N, C-alpha and C. Protein backbone atom coordinates (compact mmCIF):
# COMPACT_ATOMS: atom_id res chain seq x y z
N MET A 1 -7.76 -18.65 -10.61
CA MET A 1 -7.25 -17.32 -10.29
C MET A 1 -7.80 -16.91 -8.93
N THR A 2 -6.94 -16.38 -8.12
CA THR A 2 -7.38 -15.84 -6.83
C THR A 2 -7.63 -14.35 -6.98
N GLY A 3 -8.20 -13.77 -5.94
CA GLY A 3 -8.35 -12.32 -5.92
C GLY A 3 -6.98 -11.70 -5.74
N PRO A 4 -6.88 -10.40 -5.97
CA PRO A 4 -5.57 -9.74 -5.80
C PRO A 4 -5.05 -9.90 -4.38
N GLU A 5 -3.77 -10.15 -4.28
CA GLU A 5 -3.10 -10.18 -2.98
C GLU A 5 -2.63 -8.77 -2.69
N LYS A 6 -2.65 -8.39 -1.42
CA LYS A 6 -2.18 -7.06 -1.03
C LYS A 6 -1.10 -7.23 0.02
N ALA A 7 0.06 -6.68 -0.26
CA ALA A 7 1.15 -6.70 0.70
C ALA A 7 0.83 -5.73 1.83
N ALA A 8 0.94 -6.20 3.07
CA ALA A 8 0.65 -5.35 4.23
C ALA A 8 1.71 -4.28 4.40
N VAL A 9 2.94 -4.64 4.20
CA VAL A 9 4.07 -3.70 4.30
C VAL A 9 5.09 -4.09 3.25
N PRO A 10 5.90 -3.27 2.81
CA PRO A 10 5.88 -1.84 3.06
C PRO A 10 4.93 -1.16 2.10
N THR A 11 4.70 0.11 2.33
CA THR A 11 4.05 0.93 1.32
C THR A 11 5.17 1.69 0.62
N TYR A 12 4.85 2.24 -0.51
CA TYR A 12 5.86 2.89 -1.33
C TYR A 12 5.48 4.34 -1.57
N PRO A 13 6.39 5.30 -1.29
CA PRO A 13 6.07 6.70 -1.56
C PRO A 13 5.98 6.94 -3.06
N GLN A 14 4.97 7.70 -3.46
CA GLN A 14 4.76 8.00 -4.88
C GLN A 14 5.28 9.38 -5.25
N ARG A 15 4.83 10.38 -4.51
CA ARG A 15 5.27 11.75 -4.77
C ARG A 15 4.87 12.61 -3.59
N ARG A 16 5.49 13.79 -3.51
CA ARG A 16 5.12 14.75 -2.47
C ARG A 16 3.79 15.39 -2.85
N PHE A 17 3.08 15.86 -1.85
CA PHE A 17 1.84 16.58 -2.10
C PHE A 17 2.15 17.94 -2.71
N THR A 18 1.23 18.41 -3.53
CA THR A 18 1.42 19.71 -4.17
C THR A 18 0.87 20.85 -3.33
N SER A 19 0.06 20.50 -2.32
CA SER A 19 -0.52 21.54 -1.47
C SER A 19 -0.99 20.92 -0.15
N VAL A 20 -1.21 21.78 0.82
CA VAL A 20 -1.76 21.34 2.10
C VAL A 20 -3.15 20.76 1.89
N GLN A 21 -3.93 21.35 0.99
CA GLN A 21 -5.28 20.85 0.71
C GLN A 21 -5.23 19.43 0.15
N GLU A 22 -4.30 19.16 -0.75
CA GLU A 22 -4.17 17.82 -1.31
C GLU A 22 -3.79 16.83 -0.22
N GLN A 23 -2.90 17.22 0.67
CA GLN A 23 -2.49 16.35 1.76
C GLN A 23 -3.67 16.05 2.68
N ARG A 24 -4.43 17.06 3.03
CA ARG A 24 -5.61 16.87 3.89
C ARG A 24 -6.60 15.90 3.25
N TYR A 25 -6.84 16.10 1.95
CA TYR A 25 -7.74 15.21 1.21
C TYR A 25 -7.24 13.77 1.28
N ALA A 26 -5.96 13.56 1.02
CA ALA A 26 -5.40 12.21 1.03
C ALA A 26 -5.51 11.57 2.41
N ILE A 27 -5.21 12.31 3.44
CA ILE A 27 -5.31 11.78 4.81
C ILE A 27 -6.75 11.37 5.11
N THR A 28 -7.70 12.19 4.71
CA THR A 28 -9.12 11.88 4.92
C THR A 28 -9.51 10.60 4.18
N GLU A 29 -9.09 10.48 2.93
CA GLU A 29 -9.44 9.31 2.12
C GLU A 29 -8.76 8.04 2.62
N VAL A 30 -7.51 8.14 3.00
CA VAL A 30 -6.78 6.98 3.52
C VAL A 30 -7.44 6.49 4.81
N THR A 31 -7.78 7.42 5.67
CA THR A 31 -8.44 7.07 6.93
C THR A 31 -9.81 6.44 6.66
N ALA A 32 -10.56 7.00 5.72
CA ALA A 32 -11.88 6.46 5.37
C ALA A 32 -11.78 5.04 4.81
N ALA A 33 -10.66 4.73 4.17
CA ALA A 33 -10.45 3.39 3.62
C ALA A 33 -9.97 2.40 4.68
N GLY A 34 -9.82 2.88 5.92
CA GLY A 34 -9.40 1.99 7.01
C GLY A 34 -7.91 1.80 7.13
N GLU A 35 -7.15 2.63 6.45
CA GLU A 35 -5.69 2.56 6.51
C GLU A 35 -5.17 3.64 7.45
N ASP A 36 -3.92 3.53 7.84
CA ASP A 36 -3.29 4.47 8.77
C ASP A 36 -2.33 5.39 8.02
N PRO A 37 -2.62 6.70 7.97
CA PRO A 37 -1.76 7.62 7.23
C PRO A 37 -0.52 8.09 8.00
N ARG A 38 -0.40 7.71 9.28
CA ARG A 38 0.72 8.20 10.09
C ARG A 38 2.06 7.75 9.52
N GLY A 39 2.96 8.72 9.38
CA GLY A 39 4.29 8.45 8.87
C GLY A 39 4.34 8.27 7.37
N LYS A 40 3.21 8.35 6.73
CA LYS A 40 3.14 8.21 5.28
C LYS A 40 2.58 9.51 4.71
N GLU A 41 1.25 9.55 4.56
CA GLU A 41 0.63 10.78 4.07
C GLU A 41 0.85 11.94 5.04
N THR A 42 0.88 11.65 6.35
CA THR A 42 1.16 12.73 7.30
C THR A 42 2.59 13.23 7.16
N GLY A 43 3.47 12.42 6.57
CA GLY A 43 4.85 12.81 6.35
C GLY A 43 5.07 13.58 5.05
N GLY A 44 3.98 13.76 4.29
CA GLY A 44 4.09 14.61 3.11
C GLY A 44 4.10 13.90 1.77
N TYR A 45 3.89 12.58 1.74
CA TYR A 45 3.93 11.82 0.49
C TYR A 45 2.68 10.98 0.29
N PHE A 46 2.21 10.89 -0.95
CA PHE A 46 1.25 9.86 -1.31
C PHE A 46 1.98 8.53 -1.19
N HIS A 47 1.33 7.53 -0.63
CA HIS A 47 1.90 6.18 -0.55
C HIS A 47 0.96 5.20 -1.24
N THR A 48 1.50 4.09 -1.68
CA THR A 48 0.70 3.03 -2.27
C THR A 48 1.17 1.69 -1.73
N ALA A 49 0.28 0.73 -1.78
CA ALA A 49 0.61 -0.64 -1.40
C ALA A 49 0.73 -1.48 -2.67
N LEU A 50 1.43 -2.59 -2.56
CA LEU A 50 1.57 -3.50 -3.67
C LEU A 50 0.36 -4.42 -3.74
N HIS A 51 -0.29 -4.48 -4.90
CA HIS A 51 -1.39 -5.41 -5.15
C HIS A 51 -0.93 -6.31 -6.29
N LEU A 52 -1.12 -7.62 -6.13
CA LEU A 52 -0.63 -8.56 -7.13
C LEU A 52 -1.73 -9.56 -7.47
N SER A 53 -2.05 -9.69 -8.76
CA SER A 53 -3.00 -10.70 -9.24
C SER A 53 -2.22 -11.76 -9.99
N ARG A 54 -2.49 -13.00 -9.63
CA ARG A 54 -1.81 -14.11 -10.30
C ARG A 54 -2.58 -15.39 -10.04
N PRO A 55 -2.27 -16.46 -10.77
CA PRO A 55 -2.97 -17.73 -10.56
C PRO A 55 -2.76 -18.25 -9.14
N ALA A 56 -3.77 -18.94 -8.62
CA ALA A 56 -3.73 -19.47 -7.26
C ALA A 56 -2.53 -20.39 -7.06
N LYS A 57 -2.19 -21.20 -8.05
CA LYS A 57 -1.05 -22.12 -7.88
C LYS A 57 0.26 -21.37 -7.70
N ASP A 58 0.39 -20.22 -8.35
CA ASP A 58 1.60 -19.41 -8.19
C ASP A 58 1.64 -18.76 -6.81
N ALA A 59 0.48 -18.31 -6.33
CA ALA A 59 0.41 -17.70 -5.00
C ALA A 59 0.74 -18.73 -3.92
N THR A 60 0.31 -19.96 -4.12
CA THR A 60 0.61 -21.02 -3.16
C THR A 60 2.09 -21.39 -3.21
N ALA A 61 2.63 -21.49 -4.41
CA ALA A 61 4.03 -21.90 -4.57
C ALA A 61 5.01 -20.84 -4.07
N LEU A 62 4.66 -19.58 -4.23
CA LEU A 62 5.55 -18.49 -3.83
C LEU A 62 4.72 -17.38 -3.18
N PRO A 63 4.49 -17.49 -1.86
CA PRO A 63 3.65 -16.49 -1.18
C PRO A 63 4.20 -15.08 -1.34
N LEU A 64 3.28 -14.13 -1.34
CA LEU A 64 3.64 -12.73 -1.52
C LEU A 64 4.64 -12.27 -0.47
N THR A 65 4.52 -12.79 0.74
CA THR A 65 5.46 -12.37 1.79
C THR A 65 6.91 -12.72 1.47
N THR A 66 7.13 -13.71 0.62
CA THR A 66 8.49 -14.04 0.23
C THR A 66 9.02 -13.08 -0.84
N LEU A 67 8.11 -12.36 -1.49
CA LEU A 67 8.51 -11.41 -2.53
C LEU A 67 8.71 -10.00 -1.99
N THR A 68 8.26 -9.76 -0.77
CA THR A 68 8.34 -8.43 -0.16
C THR A 68 9.08 -8.53 1.16
N SER A 69 9.29 -7.41 1.79
CA SER A 69 9.99 -7.39 3.07
C SER A 69 9.07 -7.74 4.24
N GLU A 70 7.82 -8.17 3.96
CA GLU A 70 6.91 -8.60 5.02
C GLU A 70 7.53 -9.75 5.82
N SER A 71 8.33 -10.56 5.14
CA SER A 71 8.91 -11.72 5.81
C SER A 71 10.15 -11.34 6.61
N ALA A 72 10.62 -10.12 6.47
CA ALA A 72 11.83 -9.68 7.17
C ALA A 72 11.57 -9.41 8.63
């Protein structure tokens, strides 16, 4: 088993923020995690990335980039 794979792009919008305070908090946390909130959280939505855990042989046989638009 390998560690979880993380798709670099795209991220997926989850929901709109319920308040300006919630948006500020999310932007601060996303930035602290080393991610870029521009066009995502700054646009008014929580976003998430795809994380996938699977056996190493499956990851080798079918790379995550072939399952997402990263290869586009």
